[in-house]
Amino acid sequence: MKQRNAMIAVWAALLVAVGFILSLSMTGSDRASGSGTEIGAKGAGVKTAIHPWPEAAEVRVFVEDVPFDEFERTGKNMSKPDGTVLTKSQRATLDKAVHLYRMTPKEYANSAVAGCFIPHHFFRYYDRKGRQIGELAVCYCCGGIEFSPAIKQLRPEEEWQFDFEGVETMLKEMGVPTDVNC
């Protein structure tokens, strides 16, 4: 009986090892939605530029979830009901801001995830017919971002990175605040 259990344990360990090796060999097949560029094919410690929904004809920024007293304090709404359309150069700034990062083993061992993610800034992507095809939600409070629909299922050692300072500069030039409800 002990010999049988030992053989089962050996076979189970072998199957787990084969599965792990196969999963590592498949990293180059991950792709960004509609971009045609590989994501995740590079090694640890490398950033990969991501251009969300490159087929989008228009991107608009929205600021939402503003407390009721914000209007009284500032005398103006934080966001237009239809958002603010980004210019070509503003879209280029946004496109350069998003990266997929694969952590090194040491970074992964020391990584932590913010618990708050309550975004107030939304970059919504629209096709030529005016239909929304995607959204990038940005939280300036915790430094998190999220795509909807998801561009890629992240592996545990992967994370989205965003140039918060660069986009913040652009938003301030547009008259859009980033210190909302933090």
Protein backbone atom coordinates (compact mmCIF):
# COMPACT_ATOMS: atom_id res chain seq x y z
CA MET A 1 0.00 0.00 0.00
CA LYS A 2 2.83 2.41 0.89
CA GLN A 3 4.56 1.59 -2.39
CA ARG A 4 1.35 2.36 -4.33
CA ASN A 5 0.95 5.74 -2.59
CA ALA A 6 4.57 6.58 -3.31
CA MET A 7 4.09 5.81 -7.01
CA ILE A 8 0.98 8.00 -7.14
CA ALA A 9 2.91 10.84 -5.51
CA VAL A 10 5.76 10.47 -8.01
CA TRP A 11 3.36 10.52 -10.97
CA ALA A 12 1.49 13.53 -9.57
CA ALA A 13 4.77 15.44 -9.11
CA LEU A 14 5.83 14.53 -12.64
CA LEU A 15 2.53 15.78 -14.09
CA VAL A 16 2.80 19.05 -12.16
CA ALA A 17 6.37 19.55 -13.42
CA VAL A 18 5.35 18.88 -17.04
CA GLY A 19 2.44 21.32 -16.70
CA PHE A 20 4.72 23.99 -15.27
CA ILE A 21 7.25 23.57 -18.09
CA LEU A 22 4.49 23.71 -20.72
CA SER A 23 3.06 26.89 -19.19
CA LEU A 24 6.48 28.55 -19.33
CA SER A 25 6.91 27.62 -22.98
CA MET A 26 3.56 29.20 -23.89
CA THR A 27 4.33 32.75 -22.67
CA GLY A 28 5.03 34.02 -26.18
CA SER A 29 1.48 33.25 -27.30
CA ASP A 30 -0.18 35.91 -25.13
CA ARG A 31 -1.48 38.78 -27.26
CA ALA A 32 -3.00 42.18 -26.64
CA SER A 33 -6.59 42.50 -27.79
CA GLY A 34 -6.55 43.65 -31.38
CA SER A 35 -3.00 45.00 -31.30
CA GLY A 36 -1.23 42.17 -33.05
CA THR A 37 1.78 42.66 -30.77
CA GLU A 38 2.99 40.01 -28.39
CA ILE A 39 2.72 40.65 -24.70
CA GLY A 40 4.68 38.76 -22.12
CA ALA A 41 7.16 37.17 -24.49
CA LYS A 42 10.07 39.02 -22.89
CA GLY A 43 11.89 37.97 -19.74
CA ALA A 44 11.71 39.17 -16.18
CA GLY A 45 12.51 42.81 -15.43
CA VAL A 46 11.35 44.00 -18.86
CA LYS A 47 8.59 46.49 -19.73
CA THR A 48 6.46 45.87 -22.81
CA ALA A 49 4.58 48.84 -24.29
CA ILE A 50 0.85 48.30 -24.65
CA HIS A 51 -1.44 50.32 -26.89
CA PRO A 52 -4.98 49.55 -25.72
CA TRP A 53 -7.53 49.21 -28.48
CA PRO A 54 -5.41 50.67 -31.31
CA GLU A 55 -8.40 50.34 -33.64
CA ALA A 56 -10.35 52.94 -31.60
CA ALA A 57 -11.25 56.04 -33.59
CA GLU A 58 -11.63 58.20 -30.47
CA VAL A 59 -10.68 58.27 -26.80
CA ARG A 60 -12.52 60.37 -24.21
CA VAL A 61 -11.63 61.04 -20.58
CA PHE A 62 -14.29 61.06 -17.86
CA VAL A 63 -13.98 61.98 -14.17
CA GLU A 64 -16.64 60.28 -12.08
CA ASP A 65 -17.71 59.52 -8.52
CA VAL A 66 -17.34 63.11 -7.40
CA PRO A 67 -18.89 63.93 -4.01
CA PHE A 68 -21.93 66.18 -4.00
CA ASP A 69 -20.09 69.04 -2.29
CA GLU A 70 -17.41 69.16 -5.01
CA PHE A 71 -19.65 71.33 -7.21
CA GLU A 72 -20.26 73.72 -4.33
CA ARG A 73 -16.53 73.92 -3.57
CA THR A 74 -15.30 74.46 -7.14
CA GLY A 75 -18.38 75.95 -8.83
CA LYS A 76 -18.04 73.56 -11.77
CA ASN A 77 -18.63 69.96 -12.67
CA MET A 78 -15.59 67.70 -12.80
CA SER A 79 -16.52 66.03 -16.09
CA LYS A 80 -18.65 66.74 -19.11
CA PRO A 81 -21.49 64.22 -19.51
CA ASP A 82 -20.01 63.03 -22.82
CA GLY A 83 -16.42 63.26 -21.60
CA THR A 84 -13.58 65.20 -23.19
CA VAL A 85 -12.17 63.94 -26.48
CA LEU A 86 -8.39 63.51 -26.51
CA THR A 87 -6.44 65.15 -29.32
CA LYS A 88 -4.01 63.13 -31.39
CA SER A 89 -1.05 64.23 -29.23
CA GLN A 90 -2.97 63.58 -25.99
CA ARG A 91 -3.82 60.09 -27.21
CA ALA A 92 -0.14 59.52 -28.02
CA THR A 93 0.73 60.53 -24.44
CA LEU A 94 -1.84 58.06 -23.11
CA ASP A 95 -0.66 55.30 -25.44
CA LYS A 96 2.94 55.74 -24.23
CA ALA A 97 1.81 55.56 -20.60
CA VAL A 98 0.73 51.89 -20.43
CA HIS A 99 3.17 49.01 -19.98
CA LEU A 100 3.08 45.38 -19.00
CA TYR A 101 5.89 44.57 -16.59
CA ARG A 102 7.13 41.12 -15.72
CA MET A 103 8.71 41.24 -12.28
CA THR A 104 12.01 39.65 -11.41
CA PRO A 105 11.78 36.83 -8.85
CA LYS A 106 13.02 39.20 -6.12
CA GLU A 107 10.46 41.88 -7.05
CA TYR A 108 7.69 39.28 -7.14
CA ALA A 109 8.67 37.97 -3.70
CA ASN A 110 8.42 41.52 -2.29
CA SER A 111 5.36 42.67 -4.26
CA ALA A 112 2.13 43.89 -2.72
CA VAL A 113 -1.24 44.83 -4.18
CA ALA A 114 -3.13 47.97 -3.18
CA GLY A 115 -6.43 47.20 -1.54
CA CYS A 116 -8.39 50.33 -2.39
CA PHE A 117 -8.70 50.62 -6.22
CA ILE A 118 -11.56 53.13 -6.48
CA PRO A 119 -10.89 54.82 -9.83
CA HIS A 120 -12.21 58.26 -10.68
CA HIS A 121 -10.60 58.69 -14.12
CA PHE A 122 -11.82 56.68 -17.08
CA PHE A 123 -10.40 56.68 -20.58
CA ARG A 124 -13.11 55.26 -22.83
CA TYR A 125 -12.28 54.01 -26.30
CA TYR A 126 -14.84 54.30 -29.13
CA ASP A 127 -15.02 52.83 -32.62
CA ARG A 128 -15.90 54.81 -35.77
CA LYS A 129 -19.63 54.30 -35.14
CA GLY A 130 -19.37 55.84 -31.66
CA ARG A 131 -19.70 52.53 -29.76
CA GLN A 132 -17.54 52.06 -26.70
CA ILE A 133 -15.10 49.18 -27.23
CA GLY A 134 -13.00 49.45 -24.09
CA GLU A 135 -12.15 51.36 -20.96
CA LEU A 136 -8.99 52.10 -19.02
CA ALA A 137 -9.85 52.93 -15.39
CA VAL A 138 -7.16 54.84 -13.48
CA CYS A 139 -6.94 55.36 -9.72
CA TYR A 140 -4.65 58.22 -8.75
CA CYS A 141 -5.21 57.36 -5.07
CA CYS A 142 -3.65 53.87 -5.04
CA GLY A 143 -1.78 53.92 -8.35
CA GLY A 144 -3.79 51.14 -9.96
CA ILE A 145 -5.20 50.66 -13.45
CA GLU A 146 -7.67 48.21 -14.94
CA PHE A 147 -8.87 47.40 -18.44
CA SER A 148 -12.45 46.51 -19.30
CA PRO A 149 -12.76 44.20 -21.07
CA ALA A 150 -9.48 42.73 -19.89
CA ILE A 151 -6.72 43.01 -22.48
CA LYS A 152 -4.81 40.11 -20.97
CA GLN A 153 -5.15 37.78 -18.03
CA LEU A 154 -2.14 38.69 -15.91
CA ARG A 155 0.13 36.00 -14.54
CA PRO A 156 1.07 36.33 -10.86
CA GLU A 157 4.49 37.80 -11.74
CA GLU A 158 3.02 40.40 -14.15
CA GLU A 159 1.59 43.83 -13.45
CA TRP A 160 0.30 46.82 -15.37
CA GLN A 161 2.41 49.95 -15.04
CA PHE A 162 1.24 53.45 -15.90
CA ASP A 163 3.00 56.80 -16.28
CA PHE A 164 0.83 58.60 -13.73
CA GLU A 165 2.99 61.76 -13.75
CA GLY A 166 3.03 62.10 -17.55
CA VAL A 167 -0.72 61.63 -17.86
CA GLU A 168 -1.34 63.89 -14.85
CA THR A 169 0.58 66.68 -16.59
CA MET A 170 -1.57 66.19 -19.69
CA LEU A 171 -4.79 66.14 -17.66
CA LYS A 172 -3.87 69.32 -15.79
CA GLU A 173 -3.17 71.04 -19.12
CA MET A 174 -6.70 69.98 -20.12
CA GLY A 175 -8.12 71.42 -16.90
CA VAL A 176 -8.92 67.94 -15.50
CA PRO A 177 -7.98 67.47 -11.82
CA THR A 178 -6.37 64.26 -10.59
CA ASP A 179 -6.73 64.78 -6.83
CA VAL A 180 -10.33 63.54 -6.69
CA ASN A 181 -11.54 61.83 -3.49
CA CYS A 182 -8.09 60.65 -2.38
